[in-house]
Amino acid sequence: MLGMIFQTRSRDDRKEEAAELLKVCFERQQAGTFSLAYFEEVVPRFYTIVKPEAEDELRKAMEHFAAGFSK
């Protein structure tokens, strides 16, 4: 869900950057190196890539995703 929202709501001139960021995130998930700390580190990059009108939707999706991490 988060990946789809992010990719479809990215600024037109940053679609390639969005795809690369998602690729790295998915690779880290598969390798078992994707953590809440890493997620919090890359969150600001997501907001620079997404269209301004989609920020609230992205924020909600990110909150839902982050809730899945054990504290």
C-alpha atoms as a PDB file:
ATOM      1  CA  MET A   1       0.000   0.000   0.000  1.00  0.00           C
ATOM      2  CA  LEU A   2       2.674   2.525   1.002  1.00  0.00           C
ATOM      3  CA  GLY A   3       4.765   1.745  -2.062  1.00  0.00           C
ATOM      4  CA  MET A   4       1.829   2.137  -4.422  1.00  0.00           C
ATOM      5  CA  ILE A   5       0.725   5.413  -2.844  1.00  0.00           C
ATOM      6  CA  PHE A   6       4.262   6.762  -2.947  1.00  0.00           C
ATOM      7  CA  GLN A   7       4.963   5.782  -6.527  1.00  0.00           C
ATOM      8  CA  THR A   8       1.646   6.995  -7.936  1.00  0.00           C
ATOM      9  CA  ARG A   9       1.731  10.280  -5.989  1.00  0.00           C
ATOM     10  CA  SER A  10       5.344  11.207  -6.726  1.00  0.00           C
ATOM     11  CA  ARG A  11       6.175  14.421  -8.541  1.00  0.00           C
ATOM     12  CA  ASP A  12       6.455  13.803 -12.267  1.00  0.00           C
ATOM     13  CA  ASP A  13      10.050  14.985 -12.385  1.00  0.00           C
ATOM     14  CA  ARG A  14      11.052  12.643  -9.526  1.00  0.00           C
ATOM     15  CA  LYS A  15       9.451   9.358 -10.584  1.00  0.00           C
ATOM     16  CA  GLU A  16      12.831   7.693 -11.173  1.00  0.00           C
ATOM     17  CA  GLU A  17      14.080   8.760  -7.744  1.00  0.00           C
ATOM     18  CA  ALA A  18      10.885   7.397  -6.197  1.00  0.00           C
ATOM     19  CA  ALA A  19      11.335   4.057  -7.940  1.00  0.00           C
ATOM     20  CA  GLU A  20      14.966   3.810  -6.783  1.00  0.00           C
ATOM     21  CA  LEU A  21      14.092   4.650  -3.174  1.00  0.00           C
ATOM     22  CA  LEU A  22      11.366   1.995  -3.149  1.00  0.00           C
ATOM     23  CA  LYS A  23      13.731  -0.522  -4.722  1.00  0.00           C
ATOM     24  CA  VAL A  24      16.298   0.033  -1.973  1.00  0.00           C
ATOM     25  CA  CYS A  25      13.626  -0.221   0.726  1.00  0.00           C
ATOM     26  CA  PHE A  26      12.256  -3.485  -0.679  1.00  0.00           C
ATOM     27  CA  GLU A  27      15.766  -4.914  -1.054  1.00  0.00           C
ATOM     28  CA  ARG A  28      16.484  -4.075   2.586  1.00  0.00           C
ATOM     29  CA  GLN A  29      13.215  -5.717   3.640  1.00  0.00           C
ATOM     30  CA  GLN A  30      14.169  -8.903   1.800  1.00  0.00           C
ATOM     31  CA  ALA A  31      17.664  -8.848   3.311  1.00  0.00           C
ATOM     32  CA  GLY A  32      16.265  -8.303   6.808  1.00  0.00           C
ATOM     33  CA  THR A  33      18.038  -4.969   7.212  1.00  0.00           C
ATOM     34  CA  PHE A  34      14.980  -2.728   7.004  1.00  0.00           C
ATOM     35  CA  SER A  35      14.362  -1.354  10.486  1.00  0.00           C
ATOM     36  CA  LEU A  36      12.274   1.337  12.114  1.00  0.00           C
ATOM     37  CA  ALA A  37      15.456   3.401  12.479  1.00  0.00           C
ATOM     38  CA  TYR A  38      16.146   3.142   8.733  1.00  0.00           C
ATOM     39  CA  PHE A  39      12.506   3.918   7.939  1.00  0.00           C
ATOM     40  CA  GLU A  40      12.654   7.052  10.099  1.00  0.00           C
ATOM     41  CA  GLU A  41      15.885   8.017   8.343  1.00  0.00           C
ATOM     42  CA  VAL A  42      14.357   7.871   4.843  1.00  0.00           C
ATOM     43  CA  VAL A  43      10.953   9.382   5.664  1.00  0.00           C
ATOM     44  CA  PRO A  44      12.123  12.945   4.882  1.00  0.00           C
ATOM     45  CA  ARG A  45      13.168  11.813   1.390  1.00  0.00           C
ATOM     46  CA  PHE A  46       9.676  10.472   0.754  1.00  0.00           C
ATOM     47  CA  TYR A  47       8.201  13.892   1.529  1.00  0.00           C
ATOM     48  CA  THR A  48      10.554  15.700  -0.859  1.00  0.00           C
ATOM     49  CA  ILE A  49       9.492  13.379  -3.690  1.00  0.00           C
ATOM     50  CA  VAL A  50       5.715  13.190  -3.203  1.00  0.00           C
ATOM     51  CA  LYS A  51       3.343  15.799  -4.600  1.00  0.00           C
ATOM     52  CA  PRO A  52       2.330  18.362  -1.952  1.00  0.00           C
ATOM     53  CA  GLU A  53      -1.357  17.488  -2.257  1.00  0.00           C
ATOM     54  CA  ALA A  54      -0.565  13.846  -1.407  1.00  0.00           C
ATOM     55  CA  GLU A  55       1.453  14.530   1.763  1.00  0.00           C
ATOM     56  CA  ASP A  56      -1.422  13.821   4.159  1.00  0.00           C
ATOM     57  CA  GLU A  57      -2.291  10.543   2.439  1.00  0.00           C
ATOM     58  CA  LEU A  58       1.381   9.519   2.492  1.00  0.00           C
ATOM     59  CA  ARG A  59       1.697  10.477   6.166  1.00  0.00           C
ATOM     60  CA  LYS A  60      -1.251   8.253   7.085  1.00  0.00           C
ATOM     61  CA  ALA A  61       0.150   5.333   5.086  1.00  0.00           C
ATOM     62  CA  MET A  62       3.560   5.785   6.725  1.00  0.00           C
ATOM     63  CA  GLU A  63       2.029   5.862  10.188  1.00  0.00           C
ATOM     64  CA  HIS A  64       0.165   2.637   9.440  1.00  0.00           C
ATOM     65  CA  PHE A  65       3.339   1.011   8.105  1.00  0.00           C
ATOM     66  CA  ALA A  66       5.456   2.166  11.067  1.00  0.00           C
ATOM     67  CA  ALA A  67       2.879   0.780  13.503  1.00  0.00           C
ATOM     68  CA  GLY A  68       3.813  -2.672  12.248  1.00  0.00           C
ATOM     69  CA  PHE A  69       7.273  -2.421  13.771  1.00  0.00           C
ATOM     70  CA  SER A  70       7.714  -3.848  17.230  1.00  0.00           C
ATOM     71  CA  LYS A  71       8.942  -1.304  19.725  1.00  0.00           C
END
